Amino acid sequence: MQTNQDCAEVCNSLLRGELSAVETYRQALEKFDNETESHELRSLLGIHQKSVELLTDNVRKMGGKPATDSGAWGDFAKAVEGGAKILGDSAALSALKTGEEHGLNDYKRAIDNDDVMPECKAMITSTLIPRQNQNIARLEALQSK
């Protein structure tokens, strides 16, 4: 049986992923500062910040305590992006795309999770997954330039 607590735990995991994305995009922007890609990356960062707000509000509504840091996944993502920054623009964009794909898979797993309540699944399906798909497409467009 689904409970708010079980669903809040899953949503907190998704929130940590979004917090990781925010941290990673901020780090990537240091590399692309004053380049044409920086405008697009700032926009993608903003999308992740909106997802953080949405998930934070959702966890609170379920009576949970929202995560405030990205945890172990964030450390790993920052290390990958840090290495990619050293290797060049293409590697950095590829690392960001890989992170977006990982987030998309996390959202898909949440939809299949019986602990996630229908209203949360609806939010994931109607808002969060489309954002991830859009982010992936935008990064692919940047990579093809």
N, C-alpha and C. Protein backbone atom coordinates (compact mmCIF):
# COMPACT_ATOMS: atom_id res chain seq x y z
N MET A 1 0.84 -1.19 0.00
CA MET A 1 0.00 0.00 0.00
C MET A 1 0.89 1.25 0.00
N GLN A 2 0.49 2.22 -0.77
CA GLN A 2 1.26 3.45 -0.87
C GLN A 2 1.01 4.32 0.36
N THR A 3 2.06 4.94 0.84
CA THR A 3 1.91 5.92 1.92
C THR A 3 2.63 7.18 1.50
N ASN A 4 2.23 8.26 2.13
CA ASN A 4 2.92 9.52 1.84
C ASN A 4 4.40 9.40 2.14
N GLN A 5 4.77 8.70 3.22
CA GLN A 5 6.17 8.58 3.59
C GLN A 5 6.97 7.83 2.53
N ASP A 6 6.43 6.72 2.02
CA ASP A 6 7.12 5.96 0.98
C ASP A 6 7.29 6.79 -0.28
N CYS A 7 6.25 7.48 -0.66
CA CYS A 7 6.30 8.32 -1.85
C CYS A 7 7.26 9.48 -1.65
N ALA A 8 7.24 10.07 -0.45
CA ALA A 8 8.16 11.18 -0.15
C ALA A 8 9.60 10.73 -0.26
N GLU A 9 9.90 9.50 0.14
CA GLU A 9 11.27 8.99 0.03
C GLU A 9 11.70 8.88 -1.43
N VAL A 10 10.82 8.38 -2.27
CA VAL A 10 11.14 8.28 -3.70
C VAL A 10 11.32 9.68 -4.28
N CYS A 11 10.42 10.58 -3.94
CA CYS A 11 10.51 11.96 -4.46
C CYS A 11 11.77 12.65 -3.94
N ASN A 12 12.18 12.34 -2.73
CA ASN A 12 13.42 12.92 -2.20
C ASN A 12 14.63 12.41 -2.98
N SER A 13 14.58 11.16 -3.39
CA SER A 13 15.65 10.63 -4.23
C SER A 13 15.71 11.38 -5.56
N LEU A 14 14.54 11.62 -6.14
CA LEU A 14 14.48 12.40 -7.39
C LEU A 14 14.97 13.82 -7.15
N LEU A 15 14.62 14.39 -6.01
CA LEU A 15 15.07 15.73 -5.65
C LEU A 15 16.60 15.79 -5.56
N ARG A 16 17.21 14.76 -4.96
CA ARG A 16 18.67 14.73 -4.89
C ARG A 16 19.28 14.71 -6.29
N GLY A 17 18.65 14.00 -7.20
CA GLY A 17 19.12 14.00 -8.59
C GLY A 17 19.04 15.37 -9.22
N GLU A 18 17.97 16.09 -8.96
CA GLU A 18 17.82 17.45 -9.50
C GLU A 18 18.82 18.40 -8.85
N LEU A 19 19.05 18.25 -7.56
CA LEU A 19 20.07 19.07 -6.89
C LEU A 19 21.44 18.80 -7.49
N SER A 20 21.70 17.55 -7.81
CA SER A 20 22.97 17.19 -8.46
C SER A 20 23.07 17.86 -9.82
N ALA A 21 21.97 17.87 -10.57
CA ALA A 21 21.97 18.51 -11.89
C ALA A 21 22.27 20.00 -11.77
N VAL A 22 21.66 20.66 -10.79
CA VAL A 22 21.92 22.09 -10.58
C VAL A 22 23.41 22.32 -10.30
N GLU A 23 23.98 21.51 -9.41
CA GLU A 23 25.40 21.65 -9.09
C GLU A 23 26.27 21.41 -10.32
N THR A 24 25.92 20.41 -11.10
CA THR A 24 26.72 20.05 -12.26
C THR A 24 26.65 21.12 -13.34
N TYR A 25 25.45 21.66 -13.58
CA TYR A 25 25.33 22.73 -14.57
C TYR A 25 26.09 23.98 -14.12
N ARG A 26 26.05 24.27 -12.84
CA ARG A 26 26.83 25.43 -12.36
C ARG A 26 28.31 25.22 -12.62
N GLN A 27 28.78 24.01 -12.38
CA GLN A 27 30.19 23.70 -12.62
C GLN A 27 30.50 23.79 -14.11
N ALA A 28 29.62 23.26 -14.94
CA ALA A 28 29.84 23.30 -16.39
C ALA A 28 29.88 24.73 -16.90
N LEU A 29 29.05 25.59 -16.33
CA LEU A 29 29.02 26.98 -16.77
C LEU A 29 30.36 27.69 -16.57
N GLU A 30 31.13 27.23 -15.60
CA GLU A 30 32.47 27.81 -15.41
C GLU A 30 33.33 27.57 -16.65
N LYS A 31 33.14 26.45 -17.31
CA LYS A 31 33.92 26.12 -18.49
C LYS A 31 33.43 26.90 -19.71
N PHE A 32 32.13 27.06 -19.82
CA PHE A 32 31.55 27.68 -21.01
C PHE A 32 31.30 29.16 -20.84
N ASP A 33 31.81 29.75 -19.80
CA ASP A 33 31.62 31.18 -19.58
C ASP A 33 32.10 31.95 -20.81
N ASN A 34 31.29 32.91 -21.24
CA ASN A 34 31.57 33.76 -22.40
C ASN A 34 31.58 33.00 -23.73
N GLU A 35 30.95 31.85 -23.77
CA GLU A 35 30.82 31.11 -25.02
C GLU A 35 29.35 31.04 -25.38
N THR A 36 29.07 30.72 -26.63
CA THR A 36 27.69 30.69 -27.09
C THR A 36 26.85 29.66 -26.32
N GLU A 37 27.49 28.58 -25.88
CA GLU A 37 26.76 27.54 -25.16
C GLU A 37 26.30 28.00 -23.78
N SER A 38 26.94 29.01 -23.22
CA SER A 38 26.62 29.41 -21.84
C SER A 38 25.16 29.85 -21.70
N HIS A 39 24.61 30.52 -22.71
CA HIS A 39 23.21 30.94 -22.63
C HIS A 39 22.30 29.72 -22.54
N GLU A 40 22.55 28.74 -23.37
CA GLU A 40 21.73 27.53 -23.37
C GLU A 40 21.88 26.75 -22.06
N LEU A 41 23.09 26.67 -21.56
CA LEU A 41 23.32 25.94 -20.31
C LEU A 41 22.67 26.66 -19.13
N ARG A 42 22.65 27.98 -19.14
CA ARG A 42 21.95 28.73 -18.09
C ARG A 42 20.45 28.43 -18.13
N SER A 43 19.91 28.32 -19.31
CA SER A 43 18.50 27.98 -19.45
C SER A 43 18.21 26.58 -18.90
N LEU A 44 19.08 25.64 -19.21
CA LEU A 44 18.92 24.27 -18.70
C LEU A 44 19.06 24.24 -17.18
N LEU A 45 19.97 25.02 -16.65
CA LEU A 45 20.12 25.14 -15.20
C LEU A 45 18.81 25.63 -14.59
N GLY A 46 18.20 26.64 -15.21
CA GLY A 46 16.93 27.17 -14.71
C GLY A 46 15.83 26.13 -14.70
N ILE A 47 15.80 25.28 -15.69
CA ILE A 47 14.80 24.21 -15.74
C ILE A 47 14.99 23.27 -14.55
N HIS A 48 16.24 22.93 -14.27
CA HIS A 48 16.50 22.04 -13.12
C HIS A 48 16.16 22.73 -11.80
N GLN A 49 16.39 24.03 -11.72
CA GLN A 49 16.02 24.75 -10.50
C GLN A 49 14.50 24.72 -10.30
N LYS A 50 13.73 24.82 -11.38
CA LYS A 50 12.27 24.71 -11.28
C LYS A 50 11.86 23.31 -10.83
N SER A 51 12.56 22.31 -11.31
CA SER A 51 12.26 20.93 -10.89
C SER A 51 12.58 20.73 -9.42
N VAL A 52 13.65 21.35 -8.95
CA VAL A 52 13.99 21.29 -7.52
C VAL A 52 12.85 21.89 -6.71
N GLU A 53 12.34 23.04 -7.12
CA GLU A 53 11.25 23.70 -6.40
C GLU A 53 10.00 22.83 -6.39
N LEU A 54 9.67 22.24 -7.54
CA LEU A 54 8.49 21.39 -7.65
C LEU A 54 8.59 20.17 -6.73
N LEU A 55 9.72 19.50 -6.77
CA LEU A 55 9.90 18.31 -5.93
C LEU A 55 9.98 18.67 -4.45
N THR A 56 10.62 19.79 -4.12
CA THR A 56 10.69 20.23 -2.73
C THR A 56 9.29 20.47 -2.18
N ASP A 57 8.47 21.19 -2.94
CA ASP A 57 7.09 21.44 -2.52
C ASP A 57 6.31 20.14 -2.38
N ASN A 58 6.54 19.23 -3.30
CA ASN A 58 5.83 17.95 -3.28
C ASN A 58 6.17 17.15 -2.03
N VAL A 59 7.46 17.07 -1.70
CA VAL A 59 7.88 16.34 -0.51
C VAL A 59 7.27 16.97 0.74
N ARG A 60 7.27 18.29 0.80
CA ARG A 60 6.68 18.99 1.96
C ARG A 60 5.18 18.69 2.09
N LYS A 61 4.47 18.69 0.96
CA LYS A 61 3.03 18.43 0.99
C LYS A 61 2.73 17.03 1.52
N MET A 62 3.67 16.10 1.33
CA MET A 62 3.48 14.74 1.82
C MET A 62 3.96 14.58 3.26
N GLY A 63 4.39 15.68 3.87
CA GLY A 63 4.83 15.63 5.25
C GLY A 63 6.27 15.20 5.43
N GLY A 64 7.03 15.16 4.33
CA GLY A 64 8.43 14.77 4.40
C GLY A 64 9.34 15.97 4.55
N LYS A 65 10.59 15.68 4.83
CA LYS A 65 11.61 16.72 4.92
C LYS A 65 12.42 16.68 3.63
N PRO A 66 12.33 17.73 2.82
CA PRO A 66 13.04 17.73 1.53
C PRO A 66 14.55 17.66 1.69
N ALA A 67 15.18 16.90 0.81
CA ALA A 67 16.64 16.82 0.76
C ALA A 67 17.19 18.21 0.45
N THR A 68 18.36 18.49 1.00
CA THR A 68 18.98 19.79 0.75
C THR A 68 20.31 19.67 0.03
N ASP A 69 20.77 18.43 -0.17
CA ASP A 69 21.99 18.23 -0.95
C ASP A 69 21.84 17.00 -1.82
N SER A 70 22.74 16.86 -2.75
CA SER A 70 22.62 15.81 -3.75
C SER A 70 23.19 14.47 -3.30
N GLY A 71 23.90 14.44 -2.20
CA GLY A 71 24.42 13.19 -1.70
C GLY A 71 25.51 12.59 -2.57
N ALA A 72 25.64 11.29 -2.52
CA ALA A 72 26.72 10.58 -3.22
C ALA A 72 26.63 10.76 -4.73
N TRP A 73 25.42 10.75 -5.29
CA TRP A 73 25.28 10.92 -6.73
C TRP A 73 25.82 12.28 -7.16
N GLY A 74 25.61 13.29 -6.37
CA GLY A 74 26.12 14.62 -6.70
C GLY A 74 27.63 14.65 -6.72
N ASP A 75 28.26 13.98 -5.77
CA ASP A 75 29.72 13.92 -5.75
C ASP A 75 30.24 13.24 -7.01
N PHE A 76 29.59 12.14 -7.40
CA PHE A 76 30.01 11.43 -8.59
C PHE A 76 29.82 12.30 -9.84
N ALA A 77 28.65 12.93 -9.95
CA ALA A 77 28.35 13.75 -11.12
C ALA A 77 29.33 14.91 -11.23
N LYS A 78 29.66 15.53 -10.10
CA LYS A 78 30.62 16.64 -10.12
C LYS A 78 32.01 16.16 -10.55
N ALA A 79 32.38 14.96 -10.12
CA ALA A 79 33.69 14.42 -10.52
C ALA A 79 33.72 14.15 -12.02
N VAL A 80 32.64 13.59 -12.55
CA VAL A 80 32.57 13.32 -13.99
C VAL A 80 32.63 14.61 -14.77
N GLU A 81 31.84 15.60 -14.37
CA GLU A 81 31.82 16.87 -15.08
C GLU A 81 33.15 17.58 -14.94
N GLY A 82 33.79 17.47 -13.77
CA GLY A 82 35.09 18.08 -13.58
C GLY A 82 36.12 17.50 -14.53
N GLY A 83 36.11 16.19 -14.69
CA GLY A 83 37.00 15.54 -15.65
C GLY A 83 36.69 15.95 -17.07
N ALA A 84 35.41 16.03 -17.39
CA ALA A 84 35.00 16.43 -18.74
C ALA A 84 35.42 17.85 -19.04
N LYS A 85 35.38 18.73 -18.04
CA LYS A 85 35.79 20.12 -18.26
C LYS A 85 37.25 20.18 -18.70
N ILE A 86 38.06 19.31 -18.13
CA ILE A 86 39.49 19.29 -18.48
C ILE A 86 39.67 18.79 -19.92
N LEU A 87 38.83 17.83 -20.33
CA LEU A 87 38.97 17.20 -21.64
C LEU A 87 38.44 18.06 -22.78
N GLY A 88 37.51 18.96 -22.51
CA GLY A 88 37.03 19.83 -23.57
C GLY A 88 35.52 19.96 -23.60
N ASP A 89 35.06 20.86 -24.49
CA ASP A 89 33.64 21.18 -24.59
C ASP A 89 32.80 19.96 -24.92
N SER A 90 33.23 19.18 -25.90
CA SER A 90 32.46 18.03 -26.32
C SER A 90 32.26 17.04 -25.18
N ALA A 91 33.32 16.78 -24.43
CA ALA A 91 33.23 15.85 -23.30
C ALA A 91 32.32 16.41 -22.21
N ALA A 92 32.37 17.70 -21.98
CA ALA A 92 31.52 18.32 -20.96
C ALA A 92 30.05 18.21 -21.36
N LEU A 93 29.74 18.48 -22.62
CA LEU A 93 28.35 18.36 -23.08
C LEU A 93 27.89 16.92 -23.03
N SER A 94 28.77 16.01 -23.37
CA SER A 94 28.44 14.58 -23.31
C SER A 94 28.14 14.15 -21.88
N ALA A 95 28.92 14.65 -20.92
CA ALA A 95 28.70 14.32 -19.51
C ALA A 95 27.36 14.87 -19.04
N LEU A 96 27.01 16.08 -19.47
CA LEU A 96 25.71 16.65 -19.11
C LEU A 96 24.57 15.82 -19.69
N LYS A 97 24.72 15.40 -20.93
CA LYS A 97 23.69 14.58 -21.58
C LYS A 97 23.53 13.25 -20.85
N THR A 98 24.64 12.65 -20.46
CA THR A 98 24.58 11.39 -19.72
C THR A 98 23.83 11.58 -18.41
N GLY A 99 24.07 12.69 -17.74
CA GLY A 99 23.34 13.00 -16.51
C GLY A 99 21.86 13.16 -16.75
N GLU A 100 21.50 13.83 -17.84
CA GLU A 100 20.08 14.00 -18.18
C GLU A 100 19.42 12.64 -18.45
N GLU A 101 20.13 11.78 -19.14
CA GLU A 101 19.59 10.44 -19.44
C GLU A 101 19.43 9.63 -18.16
N HIS A 102 20.37 9.78 -17.24
CA HIS A 102 20.26 9.10 -15.95
C HIS A 102 19.01 9.60 -15.20
N GLY A 103 18.81 10.92 -15.21
CA GLY A 103 17.63 11.49 -14.57
C GLY A 103 16.34 11.00 -15.20
N LEU A 104 16.31 10.92 -16.51
CA LEU A 104 15.13 10.41 -17.22
C LEU A 104 14.83 8.98 -16.78
N ASN A 105 15.87 8.15 -16.68
CA ASN A 105 15.68 6.77 -16.23
C ASN A 105 15.18 6.71 -14.79
N ASP A 106 15.66 7.61 -13.94
CA ASP A 106 15.16 7.67 -12.56
C ASP A 106 13.67 7.99 -12.54
N TYR A 107 13.24 8.93 -13.37
CA TYR A 107 11.82 9.28 -13.43
C TYR A 107 10.99 8.10 -13.94
N LYS A 108 11.49 7.40 -14.93
CA LYS A 108 10.77 6.24 -15.46
C LYS A 108 10.64 5.14 -14.40
N ARG A 109 11.70 4.93 -13.63
CA ARG A 109 11.63 3.93 -12.55
C ARG A 109 10.62 4.36 -11.49
N ALA A 110 10.54 5.65 -11.21
CA ALA A 110 9.59 6.14 -10.21
C ALA A 110 8.15 5.87 -10.66
N ILE A 111 7.89 6.02 -11.95
CA ILE A 111 6.55 5.76 -12.46
C ILE A 111 6.17 4.29 -12.26
N ASP A 112 7.15 3.41 -12.36
CA ASP A 112 6.90 1.98 -12.20
C ASP A 112 6.91 1.52 -10.75
N ASN A 113 7.25 2.42 -9.83
CA ASN A 113 7.37 2.09 -8.42
C ASN A 113 5.99 2.15 -7.75
N ASP A 114 5.60 1.04 -7.13
CA ASP A 114 4.29 0.98 -6.48
C ASP A 114 4.19 1.90 -5.27
N ASP A 115 5.32 2.36 -4.72
CA ASP A 115 5.30 3.27 -3.59
C ASP A 115 4.96 4.70 -3.98
N VAL A 116 5.01 4.99 -5.28
CA VAL A 116 4.75 6.35 -5.75
C VAL A 116 3.25 6.51 -5.99
N MET A 117 2.69 7.50 -5.36
CA MET A 117 1.25 7.74 -5.43
C MET A 117 0.85 8.27 -6.81
N PRO A 118 -0.38 8.02 -7.22
CA PRO A 118 -0.83 8.42 -8.56
C PRO A 118 -0.63 9.90 -8.86
N GLU A 119 -0.87 10.78 -7.90
CA GLU A 119 -0.71 12.21 -8.17
C GLU A 119 0.76 12.56 -8.42
N CYS A 120 1.67 11.85 -7.77
CA CYS A 120 3.10 12.08 -8.03
C CYS A 120 3.50 11.53 -9.39
N LYS A 121 2.94 10.37 -9.73
CA LYS A 121 3.21 9.81 -11.06
C LYS A 121 2.72 10.75 -12.15
N ALA A 122 1.58 11.38 -11.90
CA ALA A 122 1.05 12.33 -12.88
C ALA A 122 1.98 13.52 -13.05
N MET A 123 2.52 14.03 -11.94
CA MET A 123 3.46 15.15 -12.00
C MET A 123 4.72 14.75 -12.77
N ILE A 124 5.21 13.56 -12.49
CA ILE A 124 6.41 13.08 -13.17
C ILE A 124 6.15 12.94 -14.67
N THR A 125 5.02 12.36 -15.00
CA THR A 125 4.68 12.11 -16.41
C THR A 125 4.39 13.39 -17.17
N SER A 126 3.68 14.32 -16.54
CA SER A 126 3.24 15.51 -17.27
C SER A 126 4.28 16.64 -17.28
N THR A 127 5.15 16.68 -16.28
CA THR A 127 6.08 17.81 -16.16
C THR A 127 7.54 17.39 -16.21
N LEU A 128 7.93 16.48 -15.34
CA LEU A 128 9.35 16.20 -15.17
C LEU A 128 9.96 15.41 -16.33
N ILE A 129 9.27 14.40 -16.80
CA ILE A 129 9.80 13.64 -17.95
C ILE A 129 9.88 14.50 -19.20
N PRO A 130 8.85 15.28 -19.52
CA PRO A 130 8.99 16.16 -20.70
C PRO A 130 10.17 17.14 -20.57
N ARG A 131 10.42 17.64 -19.37
CA ARG A 131 11.57 18.53 -19.18
C ARG A 131 12.87 17.79 -19.49
N GLN A 132 12.99 16.56 -18.99
CA GLN A 132 14.20 15.78 -19.24
C GLN A 132 14.39 15.53 -20.73
N ASN A 133 13.32 15.14 -21.39
CA ASN A 133 13.41 14.89 -22.84
C ASN A 133 13.83 16.14 -23.59
N GLN A 134 13.28 17.27 -23.19
CA GLN A 134 13.64 18.54 -23.83
C GLN A 134 15.11 18.87 -23.57
N ASN A 135 15.56 18.65 -22.35
CA ASN A 135 16.96 18.93 -22.02
C ASN A 135 17.91 18.07 -22.85
N ILE A 136 17.58 16.81 -23.01
CA ILE A 136 18.41 15.91 -23.81
C ILE A 136 18.47 16.41 -25.25
N ALA A 137 17.33 16.78 -25.80
CA ALA A 137 17.29 17.27 -27.19
C ALA A 137 18.12 18.56 -27.33
N ARG A 138 18.04 19.43 -26.36
CA ARG A 138 18.79 20.69 -26.44
C ARG A 138 20.30 20.43 -26.36
N LEU A 139 20.71 19.49 -25.52
CA LEU A 139 22.13 19.15 -25.43
C LEU A 139 22.61 18.48 -26.72
N GLU A 140 21.77 17.65 -27.29
CA GLU A 140 22.13 17.01 -28.58
C GLU A 140 22.31 18.08 -29.65
N ALA A 141 21.47 19.10 -29.65
CA ALA A 141 21.60 20.20 -30.61
C ALA A 141 22.91 20.95 -30.39
N LEU A 142 23.28 21.17 -29.13
CA LEU A 142 24.56 21.84 -28.84
C LEU A 142 25.73 21.00 -29.31
N GLN A 143 25.63 19.70 -29.11
CA GLN A 143 26.72 18.81 -29.51
C GLN A 143 26.90 18.78 -31.03
N SER A 144 25.82 19.00 -31.76
CA SER A 144 25.91 18.90 -33.22
C SER A 144 26.42 20.18 -33.86
N LYS A 145 26.60 21.23 -33.07
CA LYS A 145 27.11 22.51 -33.62
C LYS A 145 28.59 22.46 -33.83
